[in-house]
Protein backbone atom coordinates (compact mmCIF):
# COMPACT_ATOMS: atom_id res chain seq x y z
CA GLN A 1 94.30 27.28 12.19
CA GLU A 2 93.15 30.79 11.32
CA VAL A 3 92.81 33.56 13.88
CA THR A 4 91.54 37.12 13.60
CA LEU A 5 93.68 40.04 14.74
CA GLU A 6 91.67 43.00 15.99
CA LEU A 7 93.62 46.16 15.30
CA VAL A 8 92.61 49.59 16.57
CA VAL A 9 94.16 53.03 16.37
CA HIS A 10 96.84 53.33 19.05
CA PRO A 11 95.18 54.89 22.14
CA GLU A 12 97.83 57.64 22.29
CA SER A 13 97.85 58.43 18.57
CA PRO A 14 98.28 62.16 17.87
CA HIS A 15 96.32 61.78 14.59
CA PRO A 16 93.70 59.04 15.04
CA GLU A 17 91.52 60.06 12.10
CA THR A 18 94.47 59.93 9.72
CA VAL A 19 95.40 56.46 10.96
CA ARG A 20 91.79 55.28 10.51
CA LEU A 21 91.79 56.48 6.91
CA ASP A 22 95.28 55.16 6.09
CA TYR A 23 94.50 51.64 7.32
CA GLY A 24 90.86 51.46 6.27
CA ILE A 25 89.54 51.07 9.81
CA GLU A 26 85.77 51.03 9.86
CA ASP A 27 83.65 50.84 13.02
CA GLY A 28 86.80 51.30 15.12
CA ILE A 29 88.39 47.90 14.40
CA LYS A 30 90.35 46.47 11.50
CA ARG A 31 90.05 42.69 11.46
CA VAL A 32 92.78 40.69 9.77
CA LYS A 33 92.44 36.93 9.33
CA ILE A 34 95.76 35.12 9.37
CA ARG A 35 97.14 31.68 10.10
CA SER A 36 98.15 31.44 13.74
CA CYS A 37 101.69 30.37 12.86
CA LEU A 38 102.25 33.70 11.04
CA VAL A 39 101.04 36.08 13.77
CA GLY A 40 104.53 36.91 15.08
CA TYR A 41 105.83 37.75 11.62
CA PHE A 42 102.81 39.88 10.79
CA LEU A 43 103.07 41.88 14.03
CA ARG A 44 106.65 42.79 13.23
CA ARG A 45 105.99 43.81 9.61
CA TRP A 46 103.14 46.22 10.38
CA PRO A 47 103.42 49.18 12.81
CA ILE A 48 101.52 47.40 15.61
CA ASP A 49 101.93 47.87 19.36
CA PHE A 50 101.26 44.48 20.93
CA THR A 51 102.30 45.33 24.48
CA ASP A 52 99.78 44.62 27.25
CA ASP A 53 99.37 48.30 28.16
CA ALA A 54 99.84 50.13 24.83
CA SER A 55 103.17 51.47 26.05
CA SER A 56 105.00 51.59 22.70
CA ASN A 57 105.61 54.86 20.90
CA PRO A 58 102.39 55.80 19.05
CA ARG A 59 104.38 57.68 16.41
CA GLN A 60 106.13 54.41 15.47
CA HIS A 61 103.26 52.02 16.16
CA HIS A 62 100.09 53.49 14.66
CA LEU A 63 97.96 50.45 15.52
CA TYR A 64 97.31 48.53 18.72
CA LEU A 65 96.44 44.84 19.02
CA ALA A 66 93.20 44.80 20.98
CA ASN A 67 92.72 41.03 21.36
CA LYS A 68 96.11 39.70 22.45
CA SER A 69 94.75 37.69 25.39
CA LYS A 70 92.11 36.07 23.18
CA LEU A 71 94.79 35.09 20.66
CA LEU A 72 96.90 33.50 23.40
CA ARG A 73 93.89 31.51 24.61
CA SER A 74 93.21 30.34 21.07
CA GLY A 75 96.66 28.78 20.76
CA VAL A 76 98.92 31.50 19.35
CA THR A 77 102.31 30.87 20.95
CA GLU A 78 103.93 33.32 23.39
CA TRP A 79 106.94 33.83 21.12
CA ALA A 80 104.72 35.70 18.67
CA PHE A 81 104.51 38.53 21.22
CA MET A 82 108.17 38.70 22.26
């Protein structure tokens, strides 16, 4: 099953425009289609904050996962976010 990750610039980013340009974010969201079984691996390979409240360090995690709850409802397992 494929799911779509919705990645946005981390809300606390000190350089949001640079992050937008570096990751090719258009219209505020970068959408990445991926198989649901690979979500956990993908989140750990890219600098993505997938906490519920965007509490990770924005200098280390340039992007924020905006649709975590939707992914969980669509069948992505909890372990992907641990």
